[in-house]
């Protein structure tokens, strides 16, 4: 069962809880089945990796770890504040994401079929 995630790749989000509380970053990937997102330069962990190919180096690599979807909040592009997201059906039948603080349309949702 997939979890409902209101943010998508490319959105700028604000981290609400944890050691990275207060940081802002862009979403690199969304994992709906796990209910997590990976945010750029947030929740950095160290991974010890082996070289897999001839020209690849091994060693200790810093990379972003997933954060649960409930711990991030979308930053509205028009008002610049962290906000909840509302859904709105337009006159032409398309759905849009709406900022709950300033009531501006964030973007049009493309339905996956």
C-alpha atoms as a PDB file:
ATOM      1  CA  UNK A   1       0.000   0.000   0.000  1.00  0.00           C
ATOM      2  CA  UNK A   2       1.401   3.351  -1.041  1.00  0.00           C
ATOM      3  CA  UNK A   3       1.404   6.270   1.371  1.00  0.00           C
ATOM      4  CA  UNK A   4       0.015   9.626   0.305  1.00  0.00           C
ATOM      5  CA  UNK A   5       2.878  12.088  -0.167  1.00  0.00           C
ATOM      6  CA  UNK A   6       2.058  15.739  -0.806  1.00  0.00           C
ATOM      7  CA  UNK A   7       5.558  16.764  -1.884  1.00  0.00           C
ATOM      8  CA  UNK A   8       7.369  15.738  -5.053  1.00  0.00           C
ATOM      9  CA  UNK A   9      10.845  15.770  -6.565  1.00  0.00           C
ATOM     10  CA  UNK A  10      12.167  19.300  -7.032  1.00  0.00           C
ATOM     11  CA  UNK A  11      10.068  20.916  -4.260  1.00  0.00           C
ATOM     12  CA  UNK A  12      11.822  23.007  -1.613  1.00  0.00           C
ATOM     13  CA  UNK A  13      10.986  21.769   1.878  1.00  0.00           C
ATOM     14  CA  UNK A  14      11.562  22.754   5.523  1.00  0.00           C
ATOM     15  CA  UNK A  15      12.614  20.042   8.010  1.00  0.00           C
ATOM     16  CA  UNK A  16      10.348  20.047  11.087  1.00  0.00           C
ATOM     17  CA  UNK A  17      12.005  17.585  13.485  1.00  0.00           C
ATOM     18  CA  UNK A  18      15.212  15.732  14.224  1.00  0.00           C
ATOM     19  CA  UNK A  19      18.858  16.743  14.250  1.00  0.00           C
ATOM     20  CA  UNK A  20      18.341  18.748  11.034  1.00  0.00           C
ATOM     21  CA  UNK A  21      15.343  20.763  12.295  1.00  0.00           C
ATOM     22  CA  UNK A  22      15.116  24.190  10.651  1.00  0.00           C
ATOM     23  CA  UNK A  23      17.105  23.294   7.523  1.00  0.00           C
ATOM     24  CA  UNK A  24      15.754  23.883   4.038  1.00  0.00           C
ATOM     25  CA  UNK A  25      16.536  21.843   0.959  1.00  0.00           C
ATOM     26  CA  UNK A  26      15.378  20.544  -2.389  1.00  0.00           C
ATOM     27  CA  UNK A  27      13.857  17.064  -2.664  1.00  0.00           C
ATOM     28  CA  UNK A  28      16.097  14.721  -4.658  1.00  0.00           C
ATOM     29  CA  UNK A  29      13.804  11.683  -4.618  1.00  0.00           C
ATOM     30  CA  UNK A  30      10.508  10.433  -3.188  1.00  0.00           C
ATOM     31  CA  UNK A  31       9.855   6.848  -2.080  1.00  0.00           C
ATOM     32  CA  UNK A  32       6.036   6.509  -1.780  1.00  0.00           C
ATOM     33  CA  UNK A  33       6.038   2.843  -0.711  1.00  0.00           C
ATOM     34  CA  UNK A  34       8.310   3.602   2.257  1.00  0.00           C
ATOM     35  CA  UNK A  35       6.787   7.038   2.908  1.00  0.00           C
ATOM     36  CA  UNK A  36      10.169   8.773   2.825  1.00  0.00           C
ATOM     37  CA  UNK A  37      11.922  11.564   0.937  1.00  0.00           C
ATOM     38  CA  UNK A  38      15.597  12.364   0.354  1.00  0.00           C
ATOM     39  CA  UNK A  39      16.423  16.058   0.822  1.00  0.00           C
ATOM     40  CA  UNK A  40      19.573  17.691  -0.557  1.00  0.00           C
ATOM     41  CA  UNK A  41      22.272  18.350   2.117  1.00  0.00           C
ATOM     42  CA  UNK A  42      20.013  17.144   4.965  1.00  0.00           C
ATOM     43  CA  UNK A  43      20.429  14.010   7.140  1.00  0.00           C
ATOM     44  CA  UNK A  44      23.981  13.332   5.922  1.00  0.00           C
ATOM     45  CA  UNK A  45      25.386   9.904   6.889  1.00  0.00           C
ATOM     46  CA  UNK A  46      28.743   8.246   6.246  1.00  0.00           C
ATOM     47  CA  UNK A  47      28.862   5.042   4.201  1.00  0.00           C
ATOM     48  CA  UNK A  48      31.892   2.780   3.916  1.00  0.00           C
ATOM     49  CA  UNK A  49      31.987   1.580   0.309  1.00  0.00           C
ATOM     50  CA  UNK A  50      34.125  -0.867  -1.633  1.00  0.00           C
ATOM     51  CA  UNK A  51      35.285  -0.081  -5.149  1.00  0.00           C
ATOM     52  CA  UNK A  52      32.936  -1.948  -7.522  1.00  0.00           C
ATOM     53  CA  UNK A  53      34.722  -1.312 -10.855  1.00  0.00           C
ATOM     54  CA  UNK A  54      38.346  -0.951 -11.912  1.00  0.00           C
ATOM     55  CA  UNK A  55      38.394   2.874 -11.963  1.00  0.00           C
ATOM     56  CA  UNK A  56      36.075   3.457  -8.985  1.00  0.00           C
ATOM     57  CA  UNK A  57      37.468   4.525  -5.614  1.00  0.00           C
ATOM     58  CA  UNK A  58      36.306   3.092  -2.316  1.00  0.00           C
ATOM     59  CA  UNK A  59      36.335   4.778   1.059  1.00  0.00           C
ATOM     60  CA  UNK A  60      34.066   6.723   3.366  1.00  0.00           C
ATOM     61  CA  UNK A  61      31.392   8.611   1.421  1.00  0.00           C
ATOM     62  CA  UNK A  62      28.919  11.219   2.733  1.00  0.00           C
ATOM     63  CA  UNK A  63      25.404  10.769   1.363  1.00  0.00           C
ATOM     64  CA  UNK A  64      21.848  11.827   2.160  1.00  0.00           C
ATOM     65  CA  UNK A  65      19.654   9.383   4.089  1.00  0.00           C
ATOM     66  CA  UNK A  66      15.836   9.280   3.815  1.00  0.00           C
ATOM     67  CA  UNK A  67      13.551  11.322   6.095  1.00  0.00           C
ATOM     68  CA  UNK A  68       9.945  10.382   6.842  1.00  0.00           C
ATOM     69  CA  UNK A  69       7.392  12.400   4.881  1.00  0.00           C
ATOM     70  CA  UNK A  70       5.725  13.703   8.058  1.00  0.00           C
ATOM     71  CA  UNK A  71       8.942  15.469   9.083  1.00  0.00           C
ATOM     72  CA  UNK A  72       9.074  17.836   6.096  1.00  0.00           C
ATOM     73  CA  UNK A  73       6.800  20.686   5.047  1.00  0.00           C
ATOM     74  CA  UNK A  74       6.605  22.346   1.634  1.00  0.00           C
ATOM     75  CA  UNK A  75       7.839  25.935   1.319  1.00  0.00           C
ATOM     76  CA  UNK A  76       5.407  27.969  -0.787  1.00  0.00           C
ATOM     77  CA  UNK A  77       7.168  29.570  -3.794  1.00  0.00           C
ATOM     78  CA  UNK A  78       4.993  32.714  -3.620  1.00  0.00           C
ATOM     79  CA  UNK A  79       4.919  33.535   0.130  1.00  0.00           C
ATOM     80  CA  UNK A  80       8.166  31.732   1.071  1.00  0.00           C
ATOM     81  CA  UNK A  81       6.766  30.166   4.262  1.00  0.00           C
ATOM     82  CA  UNK A  82       6.395  26.496   5.240  1.00  0.00           C
ATOM     83  CA  UNK A  83       2.777  25.588   4.581  1.00  0.00           C
ATOM     84  CA  UNK A  84       0.261  22.787   4.394  1.00  0.00           C
ATOM     85  CA  UNK A  85      -0.911  21.805   0.932  1.00  0.00           C
ATOM     86  CA  UNK A  86      -4.514  21.857  -0.225  1.00  0.00           C
ATOM     87  CA  UNK A  87      -6.028  20.367  -3.362  1.00  0.00           C
ATOM     88  CA  UNK A  88      -8.268  22.351  -5.717  1.00  0.00           C
ATOM     89  CA  UNK A  89     -10.205  21.284  -8.801  1.00  0.00           C
ATOM     90  CA  UNK A  90     -10.068  23.974 -11.488  1.00  0.00           C
ATOM     91  CA  UNK A  91     -12.880  24.844 -13.936  1.00  0.00           C
ATOM     92  CA  UNK A  92     -11.254  22.824 -16.736  1.00  0.00           C
ATOM     93  CA  UNK A  93     -11.236  19.685 -14.535  1.00  0.00           C
ATOM     94  CA  UNK A  94      -7.519  19.721 -13.678  1.00  0.00           C
ATOM     95  CA  UNK A  95      -6.309  19.356 -10.094  1.00  0.00           C
ATOM     96  CA  UNK A  96      -3.895  21.829  -8.514  1.00  0.00           C
ATOM     97  CA  UNK A  97      -1.835  22.044  -5.316  1.00  0.00           C
ATOM     98  CA  UNK A  98      -2.664  25.177  -3.300  1.00  0.00           C
ATOM     99  CA  UNK A  99      -0.854  26.970  -0.460  1.00  0.00           C
ATOM    100  CA  UNK A 100      -3.077  27.050   2.658  1.00  0.00           C
ATOM    101  CA  UNK A 101      -1.507  30.322   3.900  1.00  0.00           C
ATOM    102  CA  UNK A 102      -1.724  32.566   0.824  1.00  0.00           C
ATOM    103  CA  UNK A 103      -4.227  30.554  -1.330  1.00  0.00           C
ATOM    104  CA  UNK A 104      -1.910  30.727  -4.368  1.00  0.00           C
ATOM    105  CA  UNK A 105      -1.739  27.832  -6.817  1.00  0.00           C
ATOM    106  CA  UNK A 106       1.616  26.050  -6.454  1.00  0.00           C
ATOM    107  CA  UNK A 107       1.315  23.841  -9.537  1.00  0.00           C
ATOM    108  CA  UNK A 108      -1.007  21.674 -11.614  1.00  0.00           C
ATOM    109  CA  UNK A 109      -1.007  17.965 -10.706  1.00  0.00           C
ATOM    110  CA  UNK A 110      -0.355  15.518 -13.520  1.00  0.00           C
ATOM    111  CA  UNK A 111      -2.230  12.335 -12.708  1.00  0.00           C
ATOM    112  CA  UNK A 112      -0.314   9.083 -13.133  1.00  0.00           C
ATOM    113  CA  UNK A 113      -2.315   6.495 -15.066  1.00  0.00           C
END
